[in-house]
Amino acid sequence: MRRLTLVSLAGVTMGAVVSAQSLSPADVQSAISLGRRGKTAELTTHCLAEAGFRQSMKGAIAGGIQPIGSFDVTVSLNAGRIASLAASAARVYKPFTPADVPDALKAPAMFIAVIPQGPRQFEDVVAVASPIDHIVLKSKAKADLVVQPEHLDTEPVEWTNLAGVTVRANRGLARFPVGAVRELPVGDFVVTVITHAGERQCTIGAKDRARLFAVH
């Protein structure tokens, strides 16, 4: 897997225009404007992917450093990703114009950005995120329906000075075909993050799904 740059990950996703065509110059400019005005939340949705109850309890009983940490998940389409890139540039007072948008970001796709939360200590347990192996989407109505990503990039992250050790994990950005996501049964869908220590899941509700795919 190709490693992601931090800027790529910061620029996660789109939620405005979905069609069989590439984004128009006007669509791109609109996404950039929203990003520079801090309006990326209009084009994205979020959820928290966590370890299951049984695994969390097992880790809590065992104590020490346990791979039961959570992941912040951001879901969007192309416009949201472009808006986030523009927002990231604006935060450091750098320009971002349509010329800075790669052609690959203009073709319809859904992006899932998965960012591990930093280590958290609860009494005798330090919860850390387990490294990501893969990311898929599942239907809430039919669990056997799985959408595979067209591409998955990961980038290593680490935290130091935690109980005298270095904790390593990674973050991921997955690109999914819009058509396959649209074909999932109506209703909620589940983002499934497959890690070294098992699956971490969170749900995108039907209302947020509809909002992301709305044509503006």
C-alpha atoms as a PDB file:
ATOM      1  CA  MET A   1       0.000   0.000   0.000  1.00  0.00           C
ATOM      2  CA  ARG A   2       1.194   3.472  -0.832  1.00  0.00           C
ATOM      3  CA  ARG A   3       1.742   5.765   2.128  1.00  0.00           C
ATOM      4  CA  LEU A   4      -0.376   8.862   2.496  1.00  0.00           C
ATOM      5  CA  THR A   5       0.919  12.306   3.201  1.00  0.00           C
ATOM      6  CA  LEU A   6      -0.520  14.154   6.179  1.00  0.00           C
ATOM      7  CA  VAL A   7      -1.977  16.742   3.807  1.00  0.00           C
ATOM      8  CA  SER A   8      -3.818  14.011   1.896  1.00  0.00           C
ATOM      9  CA  LEU A   9      -5.388  12.695   5.053  1.00  0.00           C
ATOM     10  CA  ALA A  10      -6.328  16.122   6.246  1.00  0.00           C
ATOM     11  CA  GLY A  11      -8.201  16.628   2.993  1.00  0.00           C
ATOM     12  CA  VAL A  12     -10.755  13.997   3.506  1.00  0.00           C
ATOM     13  CA  THR A  13     -13.784  14.054   1.407  1.00  0.00           C
ATOM     14  CA  MET A  14     -16.850  15.263  -0.330  1.00  0.00           C
ATOM     15  CA  GLY A  15     -20.551  15.372   0.114  1.00  0.00           C
ATOM     16  CA  ALA A  16     -21.996  17.664  -2.469  1.00  0.00           C
ATOM     17  CA  VAL A  17     -22.219  16.638  -6.110  1.00  0.00           C
ATOM     18  CA  VAL A  18     -22.557  13.071  -7.296  1.00  0.00           C
ATOM     19  CA  SER A  19     -23.108  12.161 -10.924  1.00  0.00           C
ATOM     20  CA  ALA A  20     -21.642   9.913 -13.578  1.00  0.00           C
ATOM     21  CA  GLN A  21     -19.584  12.852 -14.749  1.00  0.00           C
ATOM     22  CA  SER A  22     -16.476  14.471 -13.371  1.00  0.00           C
ATOM     23  CA  LEU A  23     -16.922  17.550 -11.192  1.00  0.00           C
ATOM     24  CA  SER A  24     -17.354  20.728 -13.176  1.00  0.00           C
ATOM     25  CA  PRO A  25     -15.075  23.747 -12.648  1.00  0.00           C
ATOM     26  CA  ALA A  26     -17.979  25.418 -10.812  1.00  0.00           C
ATOM     27  CA  ASP A  27     -18.381  22.404  -8.492  1.00  0.00           C
ATOM     28  CA  VAL A  28     -14.663  22.447  -7.704  1.00  0.00           C
ATOM     29  CA  GLN A  29     -14.654  26.177  -6.995  1.00  0.00           C
ATOM     30  CA  SER A  30     -17.717  25.848  -4.762  1.00  0.00           C
ATOM     31  CA  ALA A  31     -16.051  23.090  -2.719  1.00  0.00           C
ATOM     32  CA  ILE A  32     -12.895  25.168  -2.348  1.00  0.00           C
ATOM     33  CA  SER A  33     -14.900  28.189  -1.207  1.00  0.00           C
ATOM     34  CA  LEU A  34     -16.758  26.142   1.409  1.00  0.00           C
ATOM     35  CA  GLY A  35     -13.499  24.728   2.706  1.00  0.00           C
ATOM     36  CA  ARG A  36     -11.820  28.099   3.001  1.00  0.00           C
ATOM     37  CA  ARG A  37     -14.856  29.385   4.909  1.00  0.00           C
ATOM     38  CA  GLY A  38     -14.689  26.513   7.385  1.00  0.00           C
ATOM     39  CA  LYS A  39     -17.843  24.821   6.096  1.00  0.00           C
ATOM     40  CA  THR A  40     -16.472  21.316   5.507  1.00  0.00           C
ATOM     41  CA  ALA A  41     -18.945  19.865   8.012  1.00  0.00           C
ATOM     42  CA  GLU A  42     -21.695  20.486   5.459  1.00  0.00           C
ATOM     43  CA  LEU A  43     -20.020  17.988   3.135  1.00  0.00           C
ATOM     44  CA  THR A  44     -18.960  15.232   5.555  1.00  0.00           C
ATOM     45  CA  THR A  45     -20.298  12.961   8.261  1.00  0.00           C
ATOM     46  CA  HIS A  46     -18.501  11.322  11.173  1.00  0.00           C
ATOM     47  CA  CYS A  47     -18.663   8.321  13.478  1.00  0.00           C
ATOM     48  CA  LEU A  48     -16.484   6.589  16.085  1.00  0.00           C
ATOM     49  CA  ALA A  49     -15.298   3.035  15.331  1.00  0.00           C
ATOM     50  CA  GLU A  50     -14.802   1.160  18.599  1.00  0.00           C
ATOM     51  CA  ALA A  51     -13.824  -2.288  19.831  1.00  0.00           C
ATOM     52  CA  GLY A  52     -16.694  -4.558  20.783  1.00  0.00           C
ATOM     53  CA  PHE A  53     -17.880  -4.761  24.387  1.00  0.00           C
ATOM     54  CA  ARG A  54     -16.426  -8.232  24.996  1.00  0.00           C
ATOM     55  CA  GLN A  55     -12.965  -7.322  23.713  1.00  0.00           C
ATOM     56  CA  SER A  56     -12.964  -4.034  25.620  1.00  0.00           C
ATOM     57  CA  MET A  57     -13.830  -5.816  28.857  1.00  0.00           C
ATOM     58  CA  LYS A  58     -11.187  -8.482  28.250  1.00  0.00           C
ATOM     59  CA  GLY A  59      -8.566  -5.779  27.720  1.00  0.00           C
ATOM     60  CA  ALA A  60      -9.664  -3.877  30.793  1.00  0.00           C
ATOM     61  CA  ILE A  61      -9.331  -6.993  32.954  1.00  0.00           C
ATOM     62  CA  ALA A  62      -5.896  -7.829  31.516  1.00  0.00           C
ATOM     63  CA  GLY A  63      -4.528  -4.336  32.173  1.00  0.00           C
ATOM     64  CA  GLY A  64      -1.415  -2.780  30.688  1.00  0.00           C
ATOM     65  CA  ILE A  65      -1.257  -1.602  27.072  1.00  0.00           C
ATOM     66  CA  GLN A  66      -4.202  -3.068  25.159  1.00  0.00           C
ATOM     67  CA  PRO A  67      -5.137  -2.686  21.431  1.00  0.00           C
ATOM     68  CA  ILE A  68      -8.698  -1.577  22.142  1.00  0.00           C
ATOM     69  CA  GLY A  69      -8.437   2.087  21.138  1.00  0.00           C
ATOM     70  CA  SER A  70     -10.983   3.799  18.896  1.00  0.00           C
ATOM     71  CA  PHE A  71     -10.841   5.463  15.469  1.00  0.00           C
ATOM     72  CA  ASP A  72     -12.356   8.730  14.256  1.00  0.00           C
ATOM     73  CA  VAL A  73     -14.040   8.060  10.903  1.00  0.00           C
ATOM     74  CA  THR A  74     -14.910  10.731   8.325  1.00  0.00           C
ATOM     75  CA  VAL A  75     -17.090   9.883   5.335  1.00  0.00           C
ATOM     76  CA  SER A  76     -17.634  12.062   2.294  1.00  0.00           C
ATOM     77  CA  LEU A  77     -17.630  12.351  -1.458  1.00  0.00           C
ATOM     78  CA  ASN A  78     -15.270  14.306  -3.730  1.00  0.00           C
ATOM     79  CA  ALA A  79     -16.424  17.807  -2.910  1.00  0.00           C
ATOM     80  CA  GLY A  80     -15.906  17.316   0.788  1.00  0.00           C
ATOM     81  CA  ARG A  81     -12.421  16.016   0.221  1.00  0.00           C
ATOM     82  CA  ILE A  82     -11.574  19.026  -1.912  1.00  0.00           C
ATOM     83  CA  ALA A  83     -13.111  21.334   0.684  1.00  0.00           C
ATOM     84  CA  SER A  84     -10.993  19.750   3.394  1.00  0.00           C
ATOM     85  CA  LEU A  85      -7.828  20.237   1.362  1.00  0.00           C
ATOM     86  CA  ALA A  86      -8.758  23.886   0.947  1.00  0.00           C
ATOM     87  CA  ALA A  87      -9.468  24.192   4.680  1.00  0.00           C
ATOM     88  CA  SER A  88      -6.105  22.631   5.544  1.00  0.00           C
ATOM     89  CA  ALA A  89      -4.329  25.106   3.262  1.00  0.00           C
ATOM     90  CA  ALA A  90      -6.239  28.026   4.760  1.00  0.00           C
ATOM     91  CA  ARG A  91      -5.223  27.064   8.303  1.00  0.00           C
ATOM     92  CA  VAL A  92      -1.564  27.563   7.406  1.00  0.00           C
ATOM     93  CA  TYR A  93      -2.237  30.633   5.225  1.00  0.00           C
ATOM     94  CA  LYS A  94      -1.416  28.857   1.958  1.00  0.00           C
ATOM     95  CA  PRO A  95      -3.315  29.292  -1.300  1.00  0.00           C
ATOM     96  CA  PHE A  96      -5.430  26.490  -2.747  1.00  0.00           C
ATOM     97  CA  THR A  97      -6.954  26.903  -6.200  1.00  0.00           C
ATOM     98  CA  PRO A  98      -8.651  24.620  -8.761  1.00  0.00           C
ATOM     99  CA  ALA A  99      -5.210  24.072 -10.288  1.00  0.00           C
ATOM    100  CA  ASP A 100      -4.167  22.341  -7.046  1.00  0.00           C
ATOM    101  CA  VAL A 101      -6.967  19.754  -7.303  1.00  0.00           C
ATOM    102  CA  PRO A 102      -5.779  16.482  -8.898  1.00  0.00           C
ATOM    103  CA  ASP A 103      -7.924  15.122 -11.723  1.00  0.00           C
ATOM    104  CA  ALA A 104      -8.434  11.948  -9.659  1.00  0.00           C
ATOM    105  CA  LEU A 105     -10.441  13.971  -7.123  1.00  0.00           C
ATOM    106  CA  LYS A 106     -12.894  15.125  -9.775  1.00  0.00           C
ATOM    107  CA  ALA A 107     -14.160  11.630 -10.616  1.00  0.00           C
ATOM    108  CA  PRO A 108     -17.071  10.399  -8.419  1.00  0.00           C
ATOM    109  CA  ALA A 109     -15.995   8.369  -5.383  1.00  0.00           C
ATOM    110  CA  MET A 110     -16.681   7.982  -1.687  1.00  0.00           C
ATOM    111  CA  PHE A 111     -13.791   8.501   0.722  1.00  0.00           C
ATOM    112  CA  ILE A 112     -13.455   7.022   4.197  1.00  0.00           C
ATOM    113  CA  ALA A 113     -10.741   8.542   6.373  1.00  0.00           C
ATOM    114  CA  VAL A 114      -9.867   6.584   9.520  1.00  0.00           C
ATOM    115  CA  ILE A 115      -7.726   8.312  12.153  1.00  0.00           C
ATOM    116  CA  PRO A 116      -6.626   6.458  15.315  1.00  0.00           C
ATOM    117  CA  GLN A 117      -7.270   8.200  18.604  1.00  0.00           C
ATOM    118  CA  GLY A 118      -4.236   8.738  20.793  1.00  0.00           C
ATOM    119  CA  PRO A 119      -3.526   6.385  23.719  1.00  0.00           C
ATOM    120  CA  ARG A 120      -5.911   6.770  26.643  1.00  0.00           C
ATOM    121  CA  GLN A 121      -5.340   5.554  30.165  1.00  0.00           C
ATOM    122  CA  PHE A 122      -8.166   4.215  32.345  1.00  0.00           C
ATOM    123  CA  GLU A 123      -6.884   3.126  35.745  1.00  0.00           C
ATOM    124  CA  ASP A 124      -4.492   0.217  34.987  1.00  0.00           C
ATOM    125  CA  VAL A 125      -5.278   0.055  31.253  1.00  0.00           C
ATOM    126  CA  VAL A 126      -3.752   2.047  28.397  1.00  0.00           C
ATOM    127  CA  ALA A 127      -5.998   1.740  25.329  1.00  0.00           C
ATOM    128  CA  VAL A 128      -4.178   2.110  22.009  1.00  0.00           C
ATOM    129  CA  ALA A 129      -5.397   1.778  18.436  1.00  0.00           C
ATOM    130  CA  SER A 130      -4.502  -1.438  16.645  1.00  0.00           C
ATOM    131  CA  PRO A 131      -2.879  -1.032  13.174  1.00  0.00           C
ATOM    132  CA  ILE A 132      -5.319  -0.946  10.241  1.00  0.00           C
ATOM    133  CA  ASP A 133      -5.247  -3.837   7.756  1.00  0.00           C
ATOM    134  CA  HIS A 134      -8.297  -3.004   5.632  1.00  0.00           C
ATOM    135  CA  ILE A 135     -11.499  -0.945   5.446  1.00  0.00           C
ATOM    136  CA  VAL A 136     -14.830  -2.114   3.992  1.00  0.00           C
ATOM    137  CA  LEU A 137     -18.464  -1.012   3.975  1.00  0.00           C
ATOM    138  CA  LYS A 138     -21.347  -3.257   4.996  1.00  0.00           C
ATOM    139  CA  SER A 139     -25.102  -2.996   4.753  1.00  0.00           C
ATOM    140  CA  LYS A 140     -26.884  -2.703   8.099  1.00  0.00           C
ATOM    141  CA  ALA A 141     -29.868  -4.544   6.593  1.00  0.00           C
ATOM    142  CA  LYS A 142     -27.837  -7.352   4.963  1.00  0.00           C
ATOM    143  CA  ALA A 143     -24.547  -8.003   6.747  1.00  0.00           C
ATOM    144  CA  ASP A 144     -23.338 -10.325   3.971  1.00  0.00           C
ATOM    145  CA  LEU A 145     -23.223  -7.416   1.489  1.00  0.00           C
ATOM    146  CA  VAL A 146     -19.717  -5.938   1.502  1.00  0.00           C
ATOM    147  CA  VAL A 147     -18.277  -3.114  -0.596  1.00  0.00           C
ATOM    148  CA  GLN A 148     -14.532  -3.299  -1.133  1.00  0.00           C
ATOM    149  CA  PRO A 149     -12.440  -0.140  -1.642  1.00  0.00           C
ATOM    150  CA  GLU A 150     -10.945   0.660  -5.026  1.00  0.00           C
ATOM    151  CA  HIS A 151      -7.845   1.848  -3.200  1.00  0.00           C
ATOM    152  CA  LEU A 152      -6.541   2.047   0.352  1.00  0.00           C
ATOM    153  CA  ASP A 153      -3.615   4.156   1.519  1.00  0.00           C
ATOM    154  CA  THR A 154      -2.124   3.985   4.993  1.00  0.00           C
ATOM    155  CA  GLU A 155       0.398   6.120   6.833  1.00  0.00           C
ATOM    156  CA  PRO A 156       2.208   5.184  10.061  1.00  0.00           C
ATOM    157  CA  VAL A 157       1.706   7.221  13.224  1.00  0.00           C
ATOM    158  CA  GLU A 158       3.302   6.839  16.635  1.00  0.00           C
ATOM    159  CA  TRP A 159       3.115   8.189  20.152  1.00  0.00           C
ATOM    160  CA  THR A 160       6.179   8.368  22.364  1.00  0.00           C
ATOM    161  CA  ASN A 161       6.866   8.661  26.090  1.00  0.00           C
ATOM    162  CA  LEU A 162       3.849   6.552  26.965  1.00  0.00           C
ATOM    163  CA  ALA A 163       4.794   4.413  29.970  1.00  0.00           C
ATOM    164  CA  GLY A 164       8.336   4.478  28.628  1.00  0.00           C
ATOM    165  CA  VAL A 165       7.483   2.851  25.289  1.00  0.00           C
ATOM    166  CA  THR A 166       6.671   3.932  21.745  1.00  0.00           C
ATOM    167  CA  VAL A 167       3.203   2.991  20.500  1.00  0.00           C
ATOM    168  CA  ARG A 168       2.785   2.579  16.736  1.00  0.00           C
ATOM    169  CA  ALA A 169      -0.366   2.485  14.653  1.00  0.00           C
ATOM    170  CA  ASN A 170      -1.489   3.889  11.303  1.00  0.00           C
ATOM    171  CA  ARG A 171      -4.180   5.963   9.687  1.00  0.00           C
ATOM    172  CA  GLY A 172      -6.013   5.081   6.492  1.00  0.00           C
ATOM    173  CA  LEU A 173      -7.833   6.645   3.560  1.00  0.00           C
ATOM    174  CA  ALA A 174     -10.028   4.354   1.463  1.00  0.00           C
ATOM    175  CA  ARG A 175     -11.659   5.240  -1.857  1.00  0.00           C
ATOM    176  CA  PHE A 176     -14.913   3.444  -2.736  1.00  0.00           C
ATOM    177  CA  PRO A 177     -16.893   3.334  -6.016  1.00  0.00           C
ATOM    178  CA  VAL A 178     -19.976   5.514  -5.686  1.00  0.00           C
ATOM    179  CA  GLY A 179     -22.139   3.122  -7.684  1.00  0.00           C
ATOM    180  CA  ALA A 180     -21.456   0.216  -5.350  1.00  0.00           C
ATOM    181  CA  VAL A 181     -22.273   2.314  -2.289  1.00  0.00           C
ATOM    182  CA  ARG A 182     -25.488   3.534  -3.879  1.00  0.00           C
ATOM    183  CA  GLU A 183     -26.535  -0.066  -4.502  1.00  0.00           C
ATOM    184  CA  LEU A 184     -26.396  -0.982  -0.822  1.00  0.00           C
ATOM    185  CA  PRO A 185     -29.906  -1.500   0.607  1.00  0.00           C
ATOM    186  CA  VAL A 186     -31.682   1.649   1.706  1.00  0.00           C
ATOM    187  CA  GLY A 187     -30.879   2.716   5.244  1.00  0.00           C
ATOM    188  CA  ASP A 188     -27.802   2.677   7.458  1.00  0.00           C
ATOM    189  CA  PHE A 189     -24.453   1.295   6.409  1.00  0.00           C
ATOM    190  CA  VAL A 190     -21.527   0.216   8.551  1.00  0.00           C
ATOM    191  CA  VAL A 191     -17.911   1.300   8.229  1.00  0.00           C
ATOM    192  CA  THR A 192     -15.782  -1.697   9.226  1.00  0.00           C
ATOM    193  CA  VAL A 193     -12.136  -1.087  10.080  1.00  0.00           C
ATOM    194  CA  ILE A 194     -10.239  -4.382  10.104  1.00  0.00           C
ATOM    195  CA  THR A 195      -7.229  -4.184  12.428  1.00  0.00           C
ATOM    196  CA  HIS A 196      -4.537  -6.538  13.682  1.00  0.00           C
ATOM    197  CA  ALA A 197      -6.667  -7.036  16.817  1.00  0.00           C
ATOM    198  CA  GLY A 198     -10.059  -7.457  15.137  1.00  0.00           C
ATOM    199  CA  GLU A 199     -12.841  -5.339  13.661  1.00  0.00           C
ATOM    200  CA  ARG A 200     -13.841  -1.847  14.739  1.00  0.00           C
ATOM    201  CA  GLN A 201     -17.204  -0.613  13.476  1.00  0.00           C
ATOM    202  CA  CYS A 202     -19.412   2.452  13.378  1.00  0.00           C
ATOM    203  CA  THR A 203     -22.660   3.254  11.608  1.00  0.00           C
ATOM    204  CA  ILE A 204     -23.564   5.985   9.144  1.00  0.00           C
ATOM    205  CA  GLY A 205     -27.275   6.633   9.529  1.00  0.00           C
ATOM    206  CA  ALA A 206     -29.771   6.800   6.685  1.00  0.00           C
ATOM    207  CA  LYS A 207     -30.233  10.572   7.068  1.00  0.00           C
ATOM    208  CA  ASP A 208     -26.520  11.288   6.830  1.00  0.00           C
ATOM    209  CA  ARG A 209     -26.218   8.889   3.906  1.00  0.00           C
ATOM    210  CA  ALA A 210     -28.998  10.729   2.077  1.00  0.00           C
ATOM    211  CA  ARG A 211     -27.424  14.109   2.870  1.00  0.00           C
ATOM    212  CA  LEU A 212     -24.055  13.055   1.454  1.00  0.00           C
ATOM    213  CA  PHE A 213     -25.608  11.878  -1.778  1.00  0.00           C
ATOM    214  CA  ALA A 214     -27.890  14.881  -2.184  1.00  0.00           C
ATOM    215  CA  VAL A 215     -27.266  16.911  -5.326  1.00  0.00           C
ATOM    216  CA  HIS A 216     -26.689  20.596  -4.557  1.00  0.00           C
END
